[in-house]
PDB file of N, CA and C in Angstrom:
ATOM      1  N   UNK A   1     177.799 146.358 100.725  1.00  0.00           N
ATOM      2  CA  UNK A   1     177.795 144.581 100.988  1.00  0.00           C
ATOM      3  C   UNK A   1     178.896 144.380 101.164  1.00  0.00           C
ATOM      4  N   UNK A   2     178.200 142.907 102.005  1.00  0.00           N
ATOM      5  CA  UNK A   2     179.735 141.983 102.470  1.00  0.00           C
ATOM      6  C   UNK A   2     179.583 140.848 101.518  1.00  0.00           C
ATOM      7  N   UNK A   3     180.337 140.642 101.180  1.00  0.00           N
ATOM      8  CA  UNK A   3     180.796 138.679 101.175  1.00  0.00           C
ATOM      9  C   UNK A   3     182.045 138.450 102.302  1.00  0.00           C
ATOM     10  N   UNK A   4     181.664 137.026 102.230  1.00  0.00           N
ATOM     11  CA  UNK A   4     182.452 136.287 103.191  1.00  0.00           C
ATOM     12  C   UNK A   4     182.533 135.360 102.613  1.00  0.00           C
ATOM     13  N   UNK A   5     183.784 134.271 102.501  1.00  0.00           N
ATOM     14  CA  UNK A   5     184.670 133.777 101.856  1.00  0.00           C
ATOM     15  C   UNK A   5     185.263 132.970 103.322  1.00  0.00           C
ATOM     16  N   UNK A   6     184.676 131.363 103.022  1.00  0.00           N
ATOM     17  CA  UNK A   6     185.467 129.843 103.492  1.00  0.00           C
ATOM     18  C   UNK A   6     186.849 130.654 104.367  1.00  0.00           C
ATOM     19  N   UNK A   7     187.743 131.042 103.407  1.00  0.00           N
ATOM     20  CA  UNK A   7     188.998 131.029 103.807  1.00  0.00           C
ATOM     21  C   UNK A   7     188.988 131.614 104.799  1.00  0.00           C
ATOM     22  N   UNK A   8     188.525 133.324 104.787  1.00  0.00           N
ATOM     23  CA  UNK A   8     188.262 134.466 105.833  1.00  0.00           C
ATOM     24  C   UNK A   8     188.264 133.357 107.617  1.00  0.00           C
ATOM     25  N   UNK A   9     187.779 131.893 107.788  1.00  0.00           N
ATOM     26  CA  UNK A   9     187.172 131.816 109.259  1.00  0.00           C
ATOM     27  C   UNK A   9     188.611 131.119 109.535  1.00  0.00           C
ATOM     28  N   UNK A  10     189.092 130.623 108.999  1.00  0.00           N
ATOM     29  CA  UNK A  10     190.235 129.253 109.394  1.00  0.00           C
ATOM     30  C   UNK A  10     190.702 129.773 110.617  1.00  0.00           C
ATOM     31  N   UNK A  11     191.453 128.726 111.622  1.00  0.00           N
ATOM     32  CA  UNK A  11     191.674 129.263 113.081  1.00  0.00           C
ATOM     33  C   UNK A  11     193.401 129.824 112.720  1.00  0.00           C
ATOM     34  N   UNK A  12     193.442 131.063 113.636  1.00  0.00           N
ATOM     35  CA  UNK A  12     194.381 131.738 113.336  1.00  0.00           C
ATOM     36  C   UNK A  12     195.886 130.694 114.096  1.00  0.00           C
ATOM     37  N   UNK A  13     195.034 129.862 114.936  1.00  0.00           N
ATOM     38  CA  UNK A  13     196.489 128.845 114.942  1.00  0.00           C
ATOM     39  C   UNK A  13     197.060 127.870 114.807  1.00  0.00           C
ATOM     40  N   UNK A  14     195.888 127.832 114.354  1.00  0.00           N
ATOM     41  CA  UNK A  14     196.363 125.963 113.748  1.00  0.00           C
ATOM     42  C   UNK A  14     196.049 125.887 112.436  1.00  0.00           C
ATOM     43  N   UNK A  15     194.884 126.714 111.927  1.00  0.00           N
ATOM     44  CA  UNK A  15     194.647 126.775 110.562  1.00  0.00           C
ATOM     45  C   UNK A  15     193.509 125.785 110.043  1.00  0.00           C
ATOM     46  N   UNK A  16     193.393 124.851 110.839  1.00  0.00           N
ATOM     47  CA  UNK A  16     192.112 124.343 110.512  1.00  0.00           C
ATOM     48  C   UNK A  16     190.773 125.135 110.501  1.00  0.00           C
ATOM     49  N   UNK A  17     190.034 124.667 109.863  1.00  0.00           N
ATOM     50  CA  UNK A  17     188.946 125.049 109.356  1.00  0.00           C
ATOM     51  C   UNK A  17     187.008 124.741 109.586  1.00  0.00           C
ATOM     52  N   UNK A  18     186.472 124.496 110.700  1.00  0.00           N
ATOM     53  CA  UNK A  18     185.308 123.772 111.032  1.00  0.00           C
ATOM     54  C   UNK A  18     184.614 124.782 110.314  1.00  0.00           C
ATOM     55  N   UNK A  19     184.468 125.259 109.818  1.00  0.00           N
ATOM     56  CA  UNK A  19     183.601 126.958 110.132  1.00  0.00           C
ATOM     57  C   UNK A  19     181.754 125.587 109.234  1.00  0.00           C
ATOM     58  N   UNK A  20     180.819 125.939 110.062  1.00  0.00           N
ATOM     59  CA  UNK A  20     180.058 124.929 109.332  1.00  0.00           C
ATOM     60  C   UNK A  20     179.334 126.075 107.880  1.00  0.00           C
ATOM     61  N   UNK A  21     178.864 125.120 106.679  1.00  0.00           N
ATOM     62  CA  UNK A  21     178.302 125.905 105.329  1.00  0.00           C
ATOM     63  C   UNK A  21     177.387 126.840 106.141  1.00  0.00           C
ATOM     64  N   UNK A  22     176.381 126.499 106.242  1.00  0.00           N
ATOM     65  CA  UNK A  22     174.838 127.058 106.761  1.00  0.00           C
ATOM     66  C   UNK A  22     175.172 128.006 107.352  1.00  0.00           C
ATOM     67  N   UNK A  23     176.051 128.527 108.474  1.00  0.00           N
ATOM     68  CA  UNK A  23     176.502 129.076 109.191  1.00  0.00           C
ATOM     69  C   UNK A  23     176.950 130.374 107.974  1.00  0.00           C
ATOM     70  N   UNK A  24     177.888 130.174 106.963  1.00  0.00           N
ATOM     71  CA  UNK A  24     178.524 131.062 106.386  1.00  0.00           C
ATOM     72  C   UNK A  24     177.250 131.680 105.715  1.00  0.00           C
ATOM     73  N   UNK A  25     176.115 129.933 105.476  1.00  0.00           N
ATOM     74  CA  UNK A  25     175.210 130.670 104.318  1.00  0.00           C
ATOM     75  C   UNK A  25     174.613 131.941 105.108  1.00  0.00           C
ATOM     76  N   UNK A  26     174.223 132.110 106.343  1.00  0.00           N
ATOM     77  CA  UNK A  26     173.867 132.534 107.322  1.00  0.00           C
ATOM     78  C   UNK A  26     174.606 134.318 107.059  1.00  0.00           C
ATOM     79  N   UNK A  27     175.732 134.363 107.086  1.00  0.00           N
ATOM     80  CA  UNK A  27     176.563 135.187 107.315  1.00  0.00           C
ATOM     81  C   UNK A  27     176.266 136.442 105.773  1.00  0.00           C
ATOM     82  N   UNK A  28     176.532 135.563 104.455  1.00  0.00           N
ATOM     83  CA  UNK A  28     176.115 135.886 103.572  1.00  0.00           C
ATOM     84  C   UNK A  28     174.999 137.031 103.350  1.00  0.00           C
ATOM     85  N   UNK A  29     173.887 136.291 103.780  1.00  0.00           N
ATOM     86  CA  UNK A  29     172.267 137.131 103.439  1.00  0.00           C
ATOM     87  C   UNK A  29     173.256 138.053 104.778  1.00  0.00           C
ATOM     88  N   UNK A  30     173.362 138.334 105.982  1.00  0.00           N
ATOM     89  CA  UNK A  30     173.817 139.688 106.814  1.00  0.00           C
ATOM     90  C   UNK A  30     174.818 140.553 105.785  1.00  0.00           C
ATOM     91  N   UNK A  31     174.928 139.578 105.138  1.00  0.00           N
ATOM     92  CA  UNK A  31     176.271 140.985 104.206  1.00  0.00           C
ATOM     93  C   UNK A  31     175.266 141.585 102.945  1.00  0.00           C
ATOM     94  N   UNK A  32     174.549 140.761 102.352  1.00  0.00           N
ATOM     95  CA  UNK A  32     173.967 141.710 101.587  1.00  0.00           C
ATOM     96  C   UNK A  32     173.134 142.594 102.324  1.00  0.00           C
ATOM     97  N   UNK A  33     172.515 142.675 103.326  1.00  0.00           N
ATOM     98  CA  UNK A  33     171.942 144.050 103.864  1.00  0.00           C
ATOM     99  C   UNK A  33     172.791 145.279 104.146  1.00  0.00           C
ATOM    100  N   UNK A  34     174.335 145.105 104.530  1.00  0.00           N
ATOM    101  CA  UNK A  34     174.913 145.311 104.726  1.00  0.00           C
ATOM    102  C   UNK A  34     175.679 146.480 103.568  1.00  0.00           C
ATOM    103  N   UNK A  35     176.025 147.237 104.062  1.00  0.00           N
ATOM    104  CA  UNK A  35     176.230 148.801 102.854  1.00  0.00           C
ATOM    105  C   UNK A  35     177.419 148.716 102.720  1.00  0.00           C
ATOM    106  N   UNK A  36     178.883 148.260 103.352  1.00  0.00           N
ATOM    107  CA  UNK A  36     180.024 148.408 103.422  1.00  0.00           C
ATOM    108  C   UNK A  36     180.429 146.879 103.596  1.00  0.00           C
ATOM    109  N   UNK A  37     182.322 146.322 103.382  1.00  0.00           N
ATOM    110  CA  UNK A  37     182.608 145.057 103.822  1.00  0.00           C
ATOM    111  C   UNK A  37     182.878 144.971 105.064  1.00  0.00           C
ATOM    112  N   UNK A  38     182.869 144.242 105.613  1.00  0.00           N
ATOM    113  CA  UNK A  38     183.200 143.950 106.790  1.00  0.00           C
ATOM    114  C   UNK A  38     184.709 142.828 107.065  1.00  0.00           C
ATOM    115  N   UNK A  39     185.308 142.560 108.127  1.00  0.00           N
ATOM    116  CA  UNK A  39     186.538 142.203 108.497  1.00  0.00           C
ATOM    117  C   UNK A  39     185.927 140.859 109.080  1.00  0.00           C
ATOM    118  N   UNK A  40     186.264 139.611 109.261  1.00  0.00           N
ATOM    119  CA  UNK A  40     186.452 138.956 110.273  1.00  0.00           C
ATOM    120  C   UNK A  40     187.739 138.144 110.948  1.00  0.00           C
ATOM    121  N   UNK A  41     187.245 138.419 111.835  1.00  0.00           N
ATOM    122  CA  UNK A  41     188.700 139.026 113.077  1.00  0.00           C
ATOM    123  C   UNK A  41     189.157 137.937 113.506  1.00  0.00           C
ATOM    124  N   UNK A  42     187.559 137.235 114.142  1.00  0.00           N
ATOM    125  CA  UNK A  42     188.245 135.513 114.627  1.00  0.00           C
ATOM    126  C   UNK A  42     186.100 134.266 114.055  1.00  0.00           C
ATOM    127  N   UNK A  43     187.129 133.656 113.282  1.00  0.00           N
ATOM    128  CA  UNK A  43     186.426 132.363 113.010  1.00  0.00           C
ATOM    129  C   UNK A  43     186.420 130.817 113.828  1.00  0.00           C
ATOM    130  N   UNK A  44     186.340 130.161 112.936  1.00  0.00           N
ATOM    131  CA  UNK A  44     186.831 128.895 113.750  1.00  0.00           C
ATOM    132  C   UNK A  44     187.793 128.696 115.055  1.00  0.00           C
ATOM    133  N   UNK A  45     187.867 128.681 116.392  1.00  0.00           N
ATOM    134  CA  UNK A  45     188.914 128.494 117.129  1.00  0.00           C
ATOM    135  C   UNK A  45     189.197 127.104 117.001  1.00  0.00           C
ATOM    136  N   UNK A  46     190.375 126.351 116.601  1.00  0.00           N
ATOM    137  CA  UNK A  46     190.592 124.978 117.538  1.00  0.00           C
ATOM    138  C   UNK A  46     190.675 125.240 118.927  1.00  0.00           C
ATOM    139  N   UNK A  47     189.937 123.957 120.100  1.00  0.00           N
ATOM    140  CA  UNK A  47     190.244 124.187 121.052  1.00  0.00           C
ATOM    141  C   UNK A  47     191.552 124.912 121.928  1.00  0.00           C
ATOM    142  N   UNK A  48     192.503 124.590 121.917  1.00  0.00           N
ATOM    143  CA  UNK A  48     193.731 125.467 122.274  1.00  0.00           C
ATOM    144  C   UNK A  48     193.528 126.594 122.099  1.00  0.00           C
ATOM    145  N   UNK A  49     193.984 127.096 120.993  1.00  0.00           N
ATOM    146  CA  UNK A  49     193.141 128.364 120.606  1.00  0.00           C
ATOM    147  C   UNK A  49     192.435 128.808 121.252  1.00  0.00           C
ATOM    148  N   UNK A  50     191.215 128.601 121.517  1.00  0.00           N
ATOM    149  CA  UNK A  50     190.010 129.312 121.561  1.00  0.00           C
ATOM    150  C   UNK A  50     190.233 129.106 124.230  1.00  0.00           C
ATOM    151  N   UNK A  51     190.884 128.330 124.501  1.00  0.00           N
ATOM    152  CA  UNK A  51     191.553 128.340 125.661  1.00  0.00           C
ATOM    153  C   UNK A  51     192.572 129.958 126.006  1.00  0.00           C
ATOM    154  N   UNK A  52     193.254 129.673 125.262  1.00  0.00           N
ATOM    155  CA  UNK A  52     194.233 131.078 125.014  1.00  0.00           C
ATOM    156  C   UNK A  52     193.931 132.434 125.202  1.00  0.00           C
ATOM    157  N   UNK A  53     192.229 132.583 124.278  1.00  0.00           N
ATOM    158  CA  UNK A  53     192.187 133.744 123.711  1.00  0.00           C
ATOM    159  C   UNK A  53     190.980 133.904 124.793  1.00  0.00           C
ATOM    160  N   UNK A  54     189.764 133.419 125.021  1.00  0.00           N
ATOM    161  CA  UNK A  54     188.903 133.277 125.426  1.00  0.00           C
ATOM    162  C   UNK A  54     188.499 132.898 126.533  1.00  0.00           C
ATOM    163  N   UNK A  55     187.316 133.561 127.051  1.00  0.00           N
ATOM    164  CA  UNK A  55     187.468 132.863 128.831  1.00  0.00           C
ATOM    165  C   UNK A  55     185.993 132.364 128.781  1.00  0.00           C
ATOM    166  N   UNK A  56     185.776 131.335 127.595  1.00  0.00           N
ATOM    167  CA  UNK A  56     184.655 130.134 127.182  1.00  0.00           C
ATOM    168  C   UNK A  56     185.647 128.793 127.124  1.00  0.00           C
ATOM    169  N   UNK A  57     187.607 129.162 127.360  1.00  0.00           N
ATOM    170  CA  UNK A  57     187.448 127.962 127.620  1.00  0.00           C
ATOM    171  C   UNK A  57     187.869 127.271 126.691  1.00  0.00           C
ATOM    172  N   UNK A  58     188.031 125.285 126.667  1.00  0.00           N
ATOM    173  CA  UNK A  58     188.495 124.435 125.130  1.00  0.00           C
ATOM    174  C   UNK A  58     187.176 124.539 124.383  1.00  0.00           C
ATOM    175  N   UNK A  59     186.122 124.645 125.093  1.00  0.00           N
ATOM    176  CA  UNK A  59     184.819 124.550 124.458  1.00  0.00           C
ATOM    177  C   UNK A  59     183.345 125.762 124.205  1.00  0.00           C
ATOM    178  N   UNK A  60     184.298 126.779 123.533  1.00  0.00           N
ATOM    179  CA  UNK A  60     183.486 128.039 123.047  1.00  0.00           C
ATOM    180  C   UNK A  60     182.936 128.207 122.201  1.00  0.00           C
ATOM    181  N   UNK A  61     182.264 129.376 122.032  1.00  0.00           N
ATOM    182  CA  UNK A  61     180.929 128.981 120.928  1.00  0.00           C
ATOM    183  C   UNK A  61     182.402 129.064 119.566  1.00  0.00           C
ATOM    184  N   UNK A  62     183.406 129.476 119.629  1.00  0.00           N
ATOM    185  CA  UNK A  62     183.757 129.521 117.831  1.00  0.00           C
ATOM    186  C   UNK A  62     184.957 128.327 117.999  1.00  0.00           C
ATOM    187  N   UNK A  63     184.519 127.410 118.856  1.00  0.00           N
ATOM    188  CA  UNK A  63     185.110 126.168 118.350  1.00  0.00           C
ATOM    189  C   UNK A  63     183.842 124.561 117.561  1.00  0.00           C
ATOM    190  N   UNK A  64     182.881 125.611 117.729  1.00  0.00           N
ATOM    191  CA  UNK A  64     181.554 124.731 116.644  1.00  0.00           C
ATOM    192  C   UNK A  64     181.959 124.830 115.773  1.00  0.00           C
ATOM    193  N   UNK A  65     182.294 125.672 114.672  1.00  0.00           N
ATOM    194  CA  UNK A  65     181.994 126.869 113.368  1.00  0.00           C
ATOM    195  C   UNK A  65     180.916 127.455 113.876  1.00  0.00           C
ATOM    196  N   UNK A  66     180.271 128.025 114.646  1.00  0.00           N
ATOM    197  CA  UNK A  66     178.794 128.703 114.201  1.00  0.00           C
ATOM    198  C   UNK A  66     179.509 129.955 114.969  1.00  0.00           C
ATOM    199  N   UNK A  67     180.150 130.253 115.046  1.00  0.00           N
ATOM    200  CA  UNK A  67     180.439 131.783 115.340  1.00  0.00           C
ATOM    201  C   UNK A  67     181.625 132.727 114.761  1.00  0.00           C
ATOM    202  N   UNK A  68     181.397 134.363 114.964  1.00  0.00           N
ATOM    203  CA  UNK A  68     182.533 134.918 114.516  1.00  0.00           C
ATOM    204  C   UNK A  68     182.769 136.062 115.089  1.00  0.00           C
ATOM    205  N   UNK A  69     183.528 136.561 115.008  1.00  0.00           N
ATOM    206  CA  UNK A  69     183.890 137.952 115.331  1.00  0.00           C
ATOM    207  C   UNK A  69     184.482 139.365 114.289  1.00  0.00           C
ATOM    208  N   UNK A  70     183.295 140.164 114.066  1.00  0.00           N
ATOM    209  CA  UNK A  70     183.356 141.152 113.194  1.00  0.00           C
ATOM    210  C   UNK A  70     183.981 142.570 113.446  1.00  0.00           C
ATOM    211  N   UNK A  71     185.140 142.054 112.658  1.00  0.00           N
ATOM    212  CA  UNK A  71     185.512 144.439 113.145  1.00  0.00           C
ATOM    213  C   UNK A  71     184.326 145.024 112.280  1.00  0.00           C
ATOM    214  N   UNK A  72     183.788 145.724 113.665  1.00  0.00           N
ATOM    215  CA  UNK A  72     182.844 147.125 113.109  1.00  0.00           C
ATOM    216  C   UNK A  72     183.138 148.158 114.093  1.00  0.00           C
ATOM    217  N   UNK A  73     182.602 149.277 114.067  1.00  0.00           N
ATOM    218  CA  UNK A  73     182.480 150.305 114.782  1.00  0.00           C
ATOM    219  C   UNK A  73     181.469 151.498 114.454  1.00  0.00           C
ATOM    220  N   UNK A  74     180.735 151.765 115.986  1.00  0.00           N
ATOM    221  CA  UNK A  74     180.251 152.939 115.895  1.00  0.00           C
ATOM    222  C   UNK A  74     178.716 152.607 114.432  1.00  0.00           C
ATOM    223  N   UNK A  75     178.641 153.742 113.837  1.00  0.00           N
ATOM    224  CA  UNK A  75     177.719 153.214 112.915  1.00  0.00           C
ATOM    225  C   UNK A  75     177.293 152.151 112.089  1.00  0.00           C
ATOM    226  N   UNK A  76     178.590 151.659 112.029  1.00  0.00           N
ATOM    227  CA  UNK A  76     178.372 150.334 111.245  1.00  0.00           C
ATOM    228  C   UNK A  76     178.361 148.940 111.828  1.00  0.00           C
ATOM    229  N   UNK A  77     178.673 149.346 113.435  1.00  0.00           N
ATOM    230  CA  UNK A  77     178.708 148.087 114.406  1.00  0.00           C
ATOM    231  C   UNK A  77     176.948 148.429 114.641  1.00  0.00           C
ATOM    232  N   UNK A  78     176.380 149.250 115.015  1.00  0.00           N
ATOM    233  CA  UNK A  78     174.970 148.991 115.148  1.00  0.00           C
ATOM    234  C   UNK A  78     173.688 148.985 113.499  1.00  0.00           C
ATOM    235  N   UNK A  79     174.685 149.162 112.666  1.00  0.00           N
ATOM    236  CA  UNK A  79     173.900 148.458 111.092  1.00  0.00           C
ATOM    237  C   UNK A  79     174.017 146.798 111.023  1.00  0.00           C
ATOM    238  N   UNK A  80     174.885 146.385 111.691  1.00  0.00           N
ATOM    239  CA  UNK A  80     175.384 145.231 111.592  1.00  0.00           C
ATOM    240  C   UNK A  80     174.048 144.232 113.031  1.00  0.00           C
ATOM    241  N   UNK A  81     174.435 145.054 113.293  1.00  0.00           N
ATOM    242  CA  UNK A  81     173.483 144.381 114.976  1.00  0.00           C
ATOM    243  C   UNK A  81     171.612 144.501 114.363  1.00  0.00           C
ATOM    244  N   UNK A  82     171.686 145.865 114.356  1.00  0.00           N
ATOM    245  CA  UNK A  82     170.120 146.150 113.612  1.00  0.00           C
ATOM    246  C   UNK A  82     169.711 145.109 112.003  1.00  0.00           C
ATOM    247  N   UNK A  83     170.722 144.600 111.397  1.00  0.00           N
ATOM    248  CA  UNK A  83     170.430 143.346 109.846  1.00  0.00           C
ATOM    249  C   UNK A  83     170.387 142.349 111.045  1.00  0.00           C
ATOM    250  N   UNK A  84     171.442 141.580 111.758  1.00  0.00           N
ATOM    251  CA  UNK A  84     171.832 140.328 112.045  1.00  0.00           C
ATOM    252  C   UNK A  84     170.234 140.273 113.001  1.00  0.00           C
ATOM    253  N   UNK A  85     169.888 141.268 113.964  1.00  0.00           N
ATOM    254  CA  UNK A  85     168.624 141.362 114.723  1.00  0.00           C
ATOM    255  C   UNK A  85     167.362 140.982 113.925  1.00  0.00           C
ATOM    256  N   UNK A  86     167.549 141.998 113.465  1.00  0.00           N
ATOM    257  CA  UNK A  86     165.573 141.620 112.325  1.00  0.00           C
ATOM    258  C   UNK A  86     165.785 140.118 111.414  1.00  0.00           C
ATOM    259  N   UNK A  87     167.192 139.495 111.288  1.00  0.00           N
ATOM    260  CA  UNK A  87     166.843 137.936 110.394  1.00  0.00           C
ATOM    261  C   UNK A  87     166.072 137.646 110.986  1.00  0.00           C
ATOM    262  N   UNK A  88     166.593 137.127 112.438  1.00  0.00           N
ATOM    263  CA  UNK A  88     166.172 136.095 112.722  1.00  0.00           C
ATOM    264  C   UNK A  88     167.082 134.573 112.699  1.00  0.00           C
ATOM    265  N   UNK A  89     168.494 135.263 112.345  1.00  0.00           N
ATOM    266  CA  UNK A  89     168.964 133.269 112.649  1.00  0.00           C
ATOM    267  C   UNK A  89     170.061 133.625 113.514  1.00  0.00           C
ATOM    268  N   UNK A  90     170.016 134.239 114.111  1.00  0.00           N
ATOM    269  CA  UNK A  90     171.226 134.352 115.206  1.00  0.00           C
ATOM    270  C   UNK A  90     171.228 134.478 116.472  1.00  0.00           C
ATOM    271  N   UNK A  91     171.416 133.677 116.974  1.00  0.00           N
ATOM    272  CA  UNK A  91     170.924 133.565 118.793  1.00  0.00           C
ATOM    273  C   UNK A  91     171.858 134.053 119.938  1.00  0.00           C
ATOM    274  N   UNK A  92     173.199 134.886 119.776  1.00  0.00           N
ATOM    275  CA  UNK A  92     174.090 135.361 119.908  1.00  0.00           C
ATOM    276  C   UNK A  92     174.527 136.138 119.609  1.00  0.00           C
ATOM    277  N   UNK A  93     174.848 137.816 120.468  1.00  0.00           N
ATOM    278  CA  UNK A  93     174.934 138.552 120.278  1.00  0.00           C
ATOM    279  C   UNK A  93     176.339 139.565 121.181  1.00  0.00           C
ATOM    280  N   UNK A  94     177.897 139.178 120.526  1.00  0.00           N
ATOM    281  CA  UNK A  94     177.892 140.159 122.201  1.00  0.00           C
ATOM    282  C   UNK A  94     179.018 140.896 121.336  1.00  0.00           C
ATOM    283  N   UNK A  95     178.862 142.476 122.272  1.00  0.00           N
ATOM    284  CA  UNK A  95     179.408 143.149 121.589  1.00  0.00           C
ATOM    285  C   UNK A  95     180.537 144.050 122.466  1.00  0.00           C
ATOM    286  N   UNK A  96     181.611 144.445 121.574  1.00  0.00           N
ATOM    287  CA  UNK A  96     182.464 145.034 121.922  1.00  0.00           C
ATOM    288  C   UNK A  96     182.925 146.658 121.404  1.00  0.00           C
ATOM    289  N   UNK A  97     182.680 147.525 121.863  1.00  0.00           N
ATOM    290  CA  UNK A  97     182.961 148.851 121.174  1.00  0.00           C
ATOM    291  C   UNK A  97     182.730 149.761 122.254  1.00  0.00           C
ATOM    292  N   UNK A  98     184.183 149.334 123.241  1.00  0.00           N
ATOM    293  CA  UNK A  98     185.089 150.708 123.989  1.00  0.00           C
ATOM    294  C   UNK A  98     186.665 149.827 123.188  1.00  0.00           C
ATOM    295  N   UNK A  99     187.485 150.653 123.674  1.00  0.00           N
ATOM    296  CA  UNK A  99     188.880 150.081 123.533  1.00  0.00           C
ATOM    297  C   UNK A  99     189.727 149.862 122.360  1.00  0.00           C
ATOM    298  N   UNK A 100     190.222 149.894 122.279  1.00  0.00           N
ATOM    299  CA  UNK A 100     191.183 149.765 120.475  1.00  0.00           C
ATOM    300  C   UNK A 100     190.535 148.280 119.829  1.00  0.00           C
ATOM    301  N   UNK A 101     190.185 147.564 120.237  1.00  0.00           N
ATOM    302  CA  UNK A 101     189.844 146.477 119.632  1.00  0.00           C
ATOM    303  C   UNK A 101     188.442 146.299 120.004  1.00  0.00           C
ATOM    304  N   UNK A 102     187.484 146.425 118.733  1.00  0.00           N
ATOM    305  CA  UNK A 102     186.081 146.920 119.104  1.00  0.00           C
ATOM    306  C   UNK A 102     185.583 145.481 117.956  1.00  0.00           C
ATOM    307  N   UNK A 103     184.279 144.990 117.831  1.00  0.00           N
ATOM    308  CA  UNK A 103     183.561 144.130 117.795  1.00  0.00           C
ATOM    309  C   UNK A 103     182.305 143.578 117.244  1.00  0.00           C
ATOM    310  N   UNK A 104     182.090 143.095 117.392  1.00  0.00           N
ATOM    311  CA  UNK A 104     180.371 142.637 117.134  1.00  0.00           C
ATOM    312  C   UNK A 104     181.179 141.261 117.022  1.00  0.00           C
ATOM    313  N   UNK A 105     180.346 140.064 117.942  1.00  0.00           N
ATOM    314  CA  UNK A 105     180.362 138.626 117.667  1.00  0.00           C
ATOM    315  C   UNK A 105     178.442 138.058 117.268  1.00  0.00           C
ATOM    316  N   UNK A 106     178.927 137.261 116.580  1.00  0.00           N
ATOM    317  CA  UNK A 106     177.868 136.985 116.159  1.00  0.00           C
ATOM    318  C   UNK A 106     177.730 135.485 116.254  1.00  0.00           C
ATOM    319  N   UNK A 107     176.562 134.263 116.603  1.00  0.00           N
ATOM    320  CA  UNK A 107     176.483 133.115 116.657  1.00  0.00           C
ATOM    321  C   UNK A 107     175.047 132.231 116.279  1.00  0.00           C
ATOM    322  N   UNK A 108     174.632 131.197 115.837  1.00  0.00           N
ATOM    323  CA  UNK A 108     173.732 130.872 116.147  1.00  0.00           C
ATOM    324  C   UNK A 108     173.193 129.619 117.142  1.00  0.00           C
ATOM    325  N   UNK A 109     174.761 129.535 117.919  1.00  0.00           N
ATOM    326  CA  UNK A 109     173.963 128.578 119.011  1.00  0.00           C
ATOM    327  C   UNK A 109     173.076 128.351 119.969  1.00  0.00           C
ATOM    328  N   UNK A 110     172.088 127.208 120.676  1.00  0.00           N
ATOM    329  CA  UNK A 110     171.120 127.550 121.142  1.00  0.00           C
ATOM    330  C   UNK A 110     171.536 126.654 122.169  1.00  0.00           C
ATOM    331  N   UNK A 111     171.309 127.032 123.641  1.00  0.00           N
ATOM    332  CA  UNK A 111     171.695 126.472 124.821  1.00  0.00           C
ATOM    333  C   UNK A 111     170.746 126.869 126.297  1.00  0.00           C
ATOM    334  N   UNK A 112     171.202 125.953 127.133  1.00  0.00           N
ATOM    335  CA  UNK A 112     170.001 126.551 128.434  1.00  0.00           C
ATOM    336  C   UNK A 112     171.383 126.958 128.997  1.00  0.00           C
ATOM    337  N   UNK A 113     170.616 128.715 129.314  1.00  0.00           N
ATOM    338  CA  UNK A 113     171.066 129.608 130.570  1.00  0.00           C
ATOM    339  C   UNK A 113     172.204 130.223 129.647  1.00  0.00           C
ATOM    340  N   UNK A 114     171.649 130.450 128.594  1.00  0.00           N
ATOM    341  CA  UNK A 114     172.770 131.310 127.563  1.00  0.00           C
ATOM    342  C   UNK A 114     172.391 132.796 127.353  1.00  0.00           C
ATOM    343  N   UNK A 115     172.741 133.380 127.082  1.00  0.00           N
ATOM    344  CA  UNK A 115     172.845 134.882 127.158  1.00  0.00           C
ATOM    345  C   UNK A 115     172.243 134.796 125.619  1.00  0.00           C
ATOM    346  N   UNK A 116     171.048 135.763 125.200  1.00  0.00           N
ATOM    347  CA  UNK A 116     171.132 136.373 124.173  1.00  0.00           C
ATOM    348  C   UNK A 116     172.308 137.499 123.507  1.00  0.00           C
ATOM    349  N   UNK A 117     171.912 138.082 124.302  1.00  0.00           N
ATOM    350  CA  UNK A 117     173.003 139.217 123.905  1.00  0.00           C
ATOM    351  C   UNK A 117     173.922 140.105 125.376  1.00  0.00           C
ATOM    352  N   UNK A 118     175.341 139.942 125.050  1.00  0.00           N
ATOM    353  CA  UNK A 118     175.892 140.895 126.192  1.00  0.00           C
ATOM    354  C   UNK A 118     176.960 141.487 125.516  1.00  0.00           C
ATOM    355  N   UNK A 119     177.838 142.120 126.830  1.00  0.00           N
ATOM    356  CA  UNK A 119     179.154 143.100 126.183  1.00  0.00           C
ATOM    357  C   UNK A 119     180.024 142.349 127.238  1.00  0.00           C
ATOM    358  N   UNK A 120     181.686 142.868 126.556  1.00  0.00           N
ATOM    359  CA  UNK A 120     182.690 142.411 126.991  1.00  0.00           C
ATOM    360  C   UNK A 120     183.182 143.348 127.563  1.00  0.00           C
TER     361      UNK A 120
END
């Protein structure tokens, strides 16, 4: 079981934290379905930080407070994806499961021409 705390979502660049409370609630419902703890590697990002670390520029999903990257790999990554997909509360699923940095991105952002599932 994973429990998420607001403090885990602060921007690593400026320290601001605009994670949305209802999004955090969704993540905690997800955490109740998991059998292991999960590390948040990226939550809220200010525009400046997002532009430095992401191809989505200054206005990417993490700048909305409605996105998270979770450090998981292998079977745990599959369990996170299965639980998140079956919940029906997330709309964006990014998968990075190769190389040294492995994570699952989740968000609940709805937009035109936006993919539901993608790999990095």
